[in-house]
Amino acid sequence: MHIIFGGAPISLQMWIFIIAVSLIVFIIIELEKWIRKLPLHPF
């Protein structure tokens, strides 16, 4: 599969970056959902 798609292994640094960015996006989305549930928010 690596030959067909030209894939390469992901380094540990890249895994840490991917997980960090994913976690930040997850937290932002969860905060938005929490804020929308507050009774003071008109939406």
PDB file of N, CA and C in Angstrom:
ATOM      1  N   MET A   1       0.816  -1.198   0.000  1.00  0.00           N
ATOM      2  CA  MET A   1       0.000   0.000   0.000  1.00  0.00           C
ATOM      3  C   MET A   1       0.859   1.261   0.000  1.00  0.00           C
ATOM      4  N   HIS A   2       2.015   1.211   0.688  1.00  0.00           N
ATOM      5  CA  HIS A   2       2.895   2.383   0.708  1.00  0.00           C
ATOM      6  C   HIS A   2       3.380   2.715  -0.694  1.00  0.00           C
ATOM      7  N   ILE A   3       3.656   1.706  -1.474  1.00  0.00           N
ATOM      8  CA  ILE A   3       4.156   1.933  -2.833  1.00  0.00           C
ATOM      9  C   ILE A   3       3.054   2.506  -3.715  1.00  0.00           C
ATOM     10  N   ILE A   4       1.857   1.969  -3.602  1.00  0.00           N
ATOM     11  CA  ILE A   4       0.740   2.413  -4.448  1.00  0.00           C
ATOM     12  C   ILE A   4       0.375   3.869  -4.162  1.00  0.00           C
ATOM     13  N   PHE A   5       0.241   4.222  -2.894  1.00  0.00           N
ATOM     14  CA  PHE A   5      -0.212   5.564  -2.528  1.00  0.00           C
ATOM     15  C   PHE A   5       0.920   6.524  -2.180  1.00  0.00           C
ATOM     16  N   GLY A   6       2.133   6.058  -2.177  1.00  0.00           N
ATOM     17  CA  GLY A   6       3.270   6.921  -1.874  1.00  0.00           C
ATOM     18  C   GLY A   6       3.292   7.370  -0.423  1.00  0.00           C
ATOM     19  N   GLY A   7       2.834   6.510   0.461  1.00  0.00           N
ATOM     20  CA  GLY A   7       2.772   6.860   1.878  1.00  0.00           C
ATOM     21  C   GLY A   7       4.125   6.750   2.554  1.00  0.00           C
ATOM     22  N   ALA A   8       4.224   7.389   3.691  1.00  0.00           N
ATOM     23  CA  ALA A   8       5.443   7.338   4.491  1.00  0.00           C
ATOM     24  C   ALA A   8       5.043   7.316   5.963  1.00  0.00           C
ATOM     25  N   PRO A   9       5.879   6.757   6.811  1.00  0.00           N
ATOM     26  CA  PRO A   9       5.559   6.741   8.238  1.00  0.00           C
ATOM     27  C   PRO A   9       5.509   8.159   8.818  1.00  0.00           C
ATOM     28  N   ILE A  10       4.684   8.328   9.837  1.00  0.00           N
ATOM     29  CA  ILE A  10       4.560   9.626  10.496  1.00  0.00           C
ATOM     30  C   ILE A  10       5.489   9.637  11.709  1.00  0.00           C
ATOM     31  N   SER A  11       6.267  10.698  11.823  1.00  0.00           N
ATOM     32  CA  SER A  11       7.223  10.807  12.930  1.00  0.00           C
ATOM     33  C   SER A  11       6.493  11.100  14.241  1.00  0.00           C
ATOM     34  N   LEU A  12       7.192  10.899  15.341  1.00  0.00           N
ATOM     35  CA  LEU A  12       6.616  11.172  16.660  1.00  0.00           C
ATOM     36  C   LEU A  12       6.257  12.650  16.801  1.00  0.00           C
ATOM     37  N   GLN A  13       7.101  13.535  16.279  1.00  0.00           N
ATOM     38  CA  GLN A  13       6.808  14.979  16.335  1.00  0.00           C
ATOM     39  C   GLN A  13       5.510  15.301  15.610  1.00  0.00           C
ATOM     40  N   MET A  14       5.304  14.684  14.455  1.00  0.00           N
ATOM     41  CA  MET A  14       4.091  14.946  13.684  1.00  0.00           C
ATOM     42  C   MET A  14       2.864  14.392  14.409  1.00  0.00           C
ATOM     43  N   TRP A  15       2.986  13.225  15.044  1.00  0.00           N
ATOM     44  CA  TRP A  15       1.873  12.674  15.817  1.00  0.00           C
ATOM     45  C   TRP A  15       1.497  13.615  16.956  1.00  0.00           C
ATOM     46  N   ILE A  16       2.483  14.148  17.649  1.00  0.00           N
ATOM     47  CA  ILE A  16       2.217  15.082  18.747  1.00  0.00           C
ATOM     48  C   ILE A  16       1.508  16.324  18.220  1.00  0.00           C
ATOM     49  N   PHE A  17       1.950  16.841  17.080  1.00  0.00           N
ATOM     50  CA  PHE A  17       1.320  18.012  16.467  1.00  0.00           C
ATOM     51  C   PHE A  17      -0.131  17.708  16.094  1.00  0.00           C
ATOM     52  N   ILE A  18      -0.365  16.565  15.459  1.00  0.00           N
ATOM     53  CA  ILE A  18      -1.717  16.180  15.034  1.00  0.00           C
ATOM     54  C   ILE A  18      -2.642  16.057  16.241  1.00  0.00           C
ATOM     55  N   ILE A  19      -2.174  15.400  17.291  1.00  0.00           N
ATOM     56  CA  ILE A  19      -2.993  15.221  18.490  1.00  0.00           C
ATOM     57  C   ILE A  19      -3.258  16.561  19.168  1.00  0.00           C
ATOM     58  N   ALA A  20      -2.261  17.434  19.228  1.00  0.00           N
ATOM     59  CA  ALA A  20      -2.432  18.747  19.860  1.00  0.00           C
ATOM     60  C   ALA A  20      -3.461  19.588  19.106  1.00  0.00           C
ATOM     61  N   VAL A  21      -3.363  19.637  17.793  1.00  0.00           N
ATOM     62  CA  VAL A  21      -4.313  20.419  16.995  1.00  0.00           C
ATOM     63  C   VAL A  21      -5.717  19.836  17.130  1.00  0.00           C
ATOM     64  N   SER A  22      -5.830  18.520  17.088  1.00  0.00           N
ATOM     65  CA  SER A  22      -7.136  17.877  17.235  1.00  0.00           C
ATOM     66  C   SER A  22      -7.753  18.185  18.591  1.00  0.00           C
ATOM     67  N   LEU A  23      -6.946  18.157  19.630  1.00  0.00           N
ATOM     68  CA  LEU A  23      -7.440  18.444  20.972  1.00  0.00           C
ATOM     69  C   LEU A  23      -7.911  19.893  21.091  1.00  0.00           C
ATOM     70  N   ILE A  24      -7.179  20.812  20.500  1.00  0.00           N
ATOM     71  CA  ILE A  24      -7.574  22.225  20.530  1.00  0.00           C
ATOM     72  C   ILE A  24      -8.902  22.424  19.809  1.00  0.00           C
ATOM     73  N   VAL A  25      -9.054  21.818  18.644  1.00  0.00           N
ATOM     74  CA  VAL A  25     -10.305  21.936  17.887  1.00  0.00           C
ATOM     75  C   VAL A  25     -11.456  21.324  18.682  1.00  0.00           C
ATOM     76  N   PHE A  26     -11.223  20.168  19.281  1.00  0.00           N
ATOM     77  CA  PHE A  26     -12.251  19.509  20.088  1.00  0.00           C
ATOM     78  C   PHE A  26     -12.702  20.404  21.242  1.00  0.00           C
ATOM     79  N   ILE A  27     -11.756  20.996  21.945  1.00  0.00           N
ATOM     80  CA  ILE A  27     -12.081  21.862  23.084  1.00  0.00           C
ATOM     81  C   ILE A  27     -12.872  23.083  22.628  1.00  0.00           C
ATOM     82  N   ILE A  28     -12.477  23.686  21.520  1.00  0.00           N
ATOM     83  CA  ILE A  28     -13.199  24.859  21.005  1.00  0.00           C
ATOM     84  C   ILE A  28     -14.634  24.498  20.652  1.00  0.00           C
ATOM     85  N   ILE A  29     -14.840  23.368  19.993  1.00  0.00           N
ATOM     86  CA  ILE A  29     -16.192  22.951  19.610  1.00  0.00           C
ATOM     87  C   ILE A  29     -17.034  22.644  20.840  1.00  0.00           C
ATOM     88  N   GLU A  30     -16.450  21.971  21.825  1.00  0.00           N
ATOM     89  CA  GLU A  30     -17.191  21.665  23.050  1.00  0.00           C
ATOM     90  C   GLU A  30     -17.539  22.937  23.821  1.00  0.00           C
ATOM     91  N   LEU A  31     -16.646  23.908  23.857  1.00  0.00           N
ATOM     92  CA  LEU A  31     -16.951  25.186  24.508  1.00  0.00           C
ATOM     93  C   LEU A  31     -18.095  25.903  23.804  1.00  0.00           C
ATOM     94  N   GLU A  32     -18.085  25.872  22.483  1.00  0.00           N
ATOM     95  CA  GLU A  32     -19.167  26.506  21.734  1.00  0.00           C
ATOM     96  C   GLU A  32     -20.503  25.834  22.050  1.00  0.00           C
ATOM     97  N   LYS A  33     -20.527  24.515  22.094  1.00  0.00           N
ATOM     98  CA  LYS A  33     -21.762  23.800  22.421  1.00  0.00           C
ATOM     99  C   LYS A  33     -22.226  24.133  23.835  1.00  0.00           C
ATOM    100  N   TRP A  34     -21.287  24.240  24.774  1.00  0.00           N
ATOM    101  CA  TRP A  34     -21.632  24.570  26.154  1.00  0.00           C
ATOM    102  C   TRP A  34     -22.206  25.983  26.238  1.00  0.00           C
ATOM    103  N   ILE A  35     -21.595  26.928  25.514  1.00  0.00           N
ATOM    104  CA  ILE A  35     -22.066  28.319  25.519  1.00  0.00           C
ATOM    105  C   ILE A  35     -23.461  28.411  24.912  1.00  0.00           C
ATOM    106  N   ARG A  36     -23.716  27.655  23.857  1.00  0.00           N
ATOM    107  CA  ARG A  36     -25.044  27.688  23.229  1.00  0.00           C
ATOM    108  C   ARG A  36     -26.136  27.145  24.149  1.00  0.00           C
ATOM    109  N   LYS A  37     -25.779  26.289  25.088  1.00  0.00           N
ATOM    110  CA  LYS A  37     -26.767  25.741  26.018  1.00  0.00           C
ATOM    111  C   LYS A  37     -27.105  26.703  27.149  1.00  0.00           C
ATOM    112  N   LEU A  38     -26.293  27.715  27.363  1.00  0.00           N
ATOM    113  CA  LEU A  38     -26.552  28.667  28.443  1.00  0.00           C
ATOM    114  C   LEU A  38     -27.855  29.419  28.173  1.00  0.00           C
ATOM    115  N   PRO A  39     -28.668  29.640  29.197  1.00  0.00           N
ATOM    116  CA  PRO A  39     -29.956  30.309  28.994  1.00  0.00           C
ATOM    117  C   PRO A  39     -29.825  31.775  28.587  1.00  0.00           C
ATOM    118  N   LEU A  40     -28.698  32.404  28.829  1.00  0.00           N
ATOM    119  CA  LEU A  40     -28.531  33.815  28.485  1.00  0.00           C
ATOM    120  C   LEU A  40     -28.253  34.028  27.003  1.00  0.00           C
ATOM    121  N   HIS A  41     -27.863  32.972  26.316  1.00  0.00           N
ATOM    122  CA  HIS A  41     -27.523  33.094  24.897  1.00  0.00           C
ATOM    123  C   HIS A  41     -28.808  33.052  24.060  1.00  0.00           C
ATOM    124  N   PRO A  42     -29.038  34.031  23.170  1.00  0.00           N
ATOM    125  CA  PRO A  42     -30.301  34.101  22.422  1.00  0.00           C
ATOM    126  C   PRO A  42     -30.466  33.031  21.348  1.00  0.00           C
ATOM    127  N   PHE A  43     -29.418  32.295  20.986  1.00  0.00           N
ATOM    128  CA  PHE A  43     -29.567  31.303  19.917  1.00  0.00           C
ATOM    129  C   PHE A  43     -30.075  30.030  20.492  1.00  0.00           C
TER     130      PHE A  43
END
